[in-house]
Amino acid sequence: MVEDHAPDVFLVQKALRENQVAFELTRFEDGEQAMLAIQKRGPVEFGKPDLIILDLNLPKVDGMDVLREIRKDPGMAKVPIAILTSSGALQDKVNAIASGADRFITKPVDLRSFVGTVGRSIKELIETGHQSMSPAV
């Protein structure tokens, strides 16, 4: 998971637990950490994940740049990616899907909606896997 906002990480973990999704979460707090891990130059040993949850609005390196870097790596090209962001901008959604995101989830502001929407969307993505240009949430 690439997310700079710790409370959102907590909420994602809660959403996964409440939707009976088994997980082991590795968190990168900014785009630079994620890029180094993808390029296998970072301090964290990072194998091929089953899923990547990526925020767009990140410090140091933008989430869109991280997304494009992931999709350029042949070993990571088929890993499902869910964009989880506060942005509701249509252009962000279009750009993310065009760059290889499998889901675009706007962070709900209500706790119950967050847990339900995010948990169901991520569970579905894990079950279906990477599908280039699949419909977004």
Protein backbone atom coordinates (compact mmCIF):
# COMPACT_ATOMS: atom_id res chain seq x y z
CA MET A 1 0.00 0.00 0.00
CA VAL A 2 1.30 3.44 -0.93
CA GLU A 3 -0.43 5.94 1.37
CA ASP A 4 0.92 8.91 3.31
CA HIS A 5 -2.10 9.30 5.60
CA ALA A 6 -1.88 6.80 8.51
CA PRO A 7 -5.60 6.93 9.40
CA ASP A 8 -6.47 5.80 5.87
CA VAL A 9 -4.12 2.82 6.26
CA PHE A 10 -5.94 1.90 9.47
CA LEU A 11 -9.32 2.20 7.72
CA VAL A 12 -8.20 0.02 4.82
CA GLN A 13 -7.04 -2.64 7.28
CA LYS A 14 -10.41 -2.43 9.04
CA ALA A 15 -12.24 -2.67 5.72
CA LEU A 16 -10.28 -5.77 4.71
CA ARG A 17 -10.83 -7.48 8.06
CA GLU A 18 -14.57 -6.73 8.03
CA ASN A 19 -14.84 -8.14 4.50
CA GLN A 20 -12.97 -11.32 5.47
CA VAL A 21 -9.94 -10.58 3.32
CA ALA A 22 -6.73 -12.21 4.57
CA PHE A 23 -3.83 -9.81 4.09
CA GLU A 24 -0.27 -8.89 4.94
CA LEU A 25 0.26 -5.20 4.39
CA THR A 26 3.50 -3.45 3.49
CA ARG A 27 3.17 0.33 3.56
CA PHE A 28 5.17 2.97 1.75
CA GLU A 29 4.55 6.50 3.02
CA ASP A 30 5.46 8.35 -0.15
CA GLY A 31 5.92 7.84 -3.85
CA GLU A 32 9.70 7.90 -3.63
CA GLN A 33 9.77 4.93 -1.21
CA ALA A 34 7.44 3.02 -3.52
CA MET A 35 9.53 3.81 -6.61
CA LEU A 36 12.72 2.63 -4.88
CA ALA A 37 11.01 -0.60 -3.84
CA ILE A 38 9.67 -1.21 -7.36
CA GLN A 39 13.14 -0.60 -8.78
CA LYS A 40 14.54 -2.89 -6.06
CA ARG A 41 16.78 -0.13 -4.71
CA GLY A 42 14.97 0.61 -1.45
CA PRO A 43 15.67 -0.46 2.13
CA VAL A 44 12.57 -2.72 2.20
CA GLU A 45 12.70 -6.19 0.63
CA PHE A 46 9.71 -6.12 -1.64
CA GLY A 47 8.58 -9.16 -3.60
CA LYS A 48 5.74 -9.32 -6.05
CA PRO A 49 2.55 -8.30 -4.23
CA ASP A 50 -0.88 -9.82 -4.80
CA LEU A 51 -2.38 -6.33 -4.98
CA ILE A 52 -1.27 -2.70 -4.80
CA ILE A 53 -3.40 0.01 -3.20
CA LEU A 54 -2.12 3.38 -4.37
CA ASP A 55 -3.00 6.95 -3.44
CA LEU A 56 -2.60 9.61 -6.14
CA ASN A 57 -1.73 12.55 -3.90
CA LEU A 58 1.62 11.50 -2.45
CA PRO A 59 4.64 13.40 -1.20
CA LYS A 60 7.89 13.35 -3.20
CA VAL A 61 6.64 11.36 -6.23
CA ASP A 62 3.07 11.57 -7.54
CA GLY A 63 0.91 8.44 -7.49
CA MET A 64 0.39 8.57 -11.28
CA ASP A 65 4.17 8.36 -11.77
CA VAL A 66 4.30 5.38 -9.42
CA LEU A 67 1.46 3.72 -11.34
CA ARG A 68 3.24 4.18 -14.67
CA GLU A 69 6.50 2.82 -13.23
CA ILE A 70 4.73 -0.28 -11.92
CA ARG A 71 3.14 -0.96 -15.30
CA LYS A 72 6.54 -0.62 -17.05
CA ASP A 73 8.04 -3.40 -14.90
CA PRO A 74 7.39 -6.75 -16.64
CA GLY A 75 7.39 -8.57 -13.29
CA MET A 76 4.72 -6.27 -11.87
CA ALA A 77 2.68 -5.53 -15.00
CA LYS A 78 -0.11 -7.98 -14.13
CA VAL A 79 -0.42 -7.08 -10.44
CA PRO A 80 -3.90 -5.63 -9.76
CA ILE A 81 -3.80 -1.97 -8.74
CA ALA A 82 -6.53 -0.11 -6.89
CA ILE A 83 -6.29 3.66 -6.80
CA LEU A 84 -7.66 4.87 -3.45
CA THR A 85 -7.75 8.64 -3.41
CA SER A 86 -9.62 11.65 -2.13
CA SER A 87 -9.81 12.96 -5.69
CA GLY A 88 -13.18 12.72 -7.34
CA ALA A 89 -11.98 14.40 -10.51
CA LEU A 90 -13.11 12.62 -13.66
CA GLN A 91 -9.79 13.41 -15.37
CA ASP A 92 -7.86 11.66 -12.55
CA LYS A 93 -10.04 8.59 -13.01
CA VAL A 94 -9.60 8.60 -16.80
CA ASN A 95 -5.82 9.04 -16.50
CA ALA A 96 -5.49 6.32 -13.85
CA ILE A 97 -7.46 3.75 -15.85
CA ALA A 98 -5.58 4.67 -19.04
CA SER A 99 -2.28 4.23 -17.17
CA GLY A 100 -3.20 0.73 -16.01
CA ALA A 101 -5.19 1.00 -12.79
CA ASP A 102 -7.80 -1.73 -12.34
CA ARG A 103 -10.02 0.21 -9.93
CA PHE A 104 -10.46 3.87 -9.06
CA ILE A 105 -11.99 4.31 -5.62
CA THR A 106 -12.76 7.75 -4.25
CA LYS A 107 -12.30 7.64 -0.48
CA PRO A 108 -15.71 7.87 1.13
CA VAL A 109 -15.87 10.39 3.98
CA ASP A 110 -18.27 8.33 6.08
CA LEU A 111 -16.68 5.47 8.10
CA ARG A 112 -19.36 2.89 7.27
CA SER A 113 -19.20 3.74 3.57
CA PHE A 114 -15.40 3.64 3.60
CA VAL A 115 -15.28 0.18 5.20
CA GLY A 116 -18.01 -1.22 2.95
CA THR A 117 -17.03 0.32 -0.36
CA VAL A 118 -13.27 -0.08 -0.02
CA GLY A 119 -13.48 -3.57 1.46
CA ARG A 120 -15.84 -4.90 -1.22
CA SER A 121 -13.91 -3.27 -4.06
CA ILE A 122 -10.56 -4.64 -2.94
CA LYS A 123 -11.99 -8.09 -2.22
CA GLU A 124 -13.48 -8.19 -5.72
CA LEU A 125 -10.21 -7.06 -7.28
CA ILE A 126 -8.26 -9.77 -5.44
CA GLU A 127 -10.76 -12.38 -6.64
CA THR A 128 -10.79 -11.23 -10.27
CA GLY A 129 -7.14 -10.15 -10.62
CA HIS A 130 -5.64 -7.71 -13.10
CA GLN A 131 -7.83 -6.99 -16.07
CA SER A 132 -6.48 -4.25 -18.25
CA MET A 133 -8.93 -1.38 -18.61
CA SER A 134 -11.54 -3.04 -16.38
CA PRO A 135 -14.43 -0.94 -15.09
CA ALA A 136 -13.60 1.25 -12.11
CA VAL A 137 -15.61 1.70 -8.95
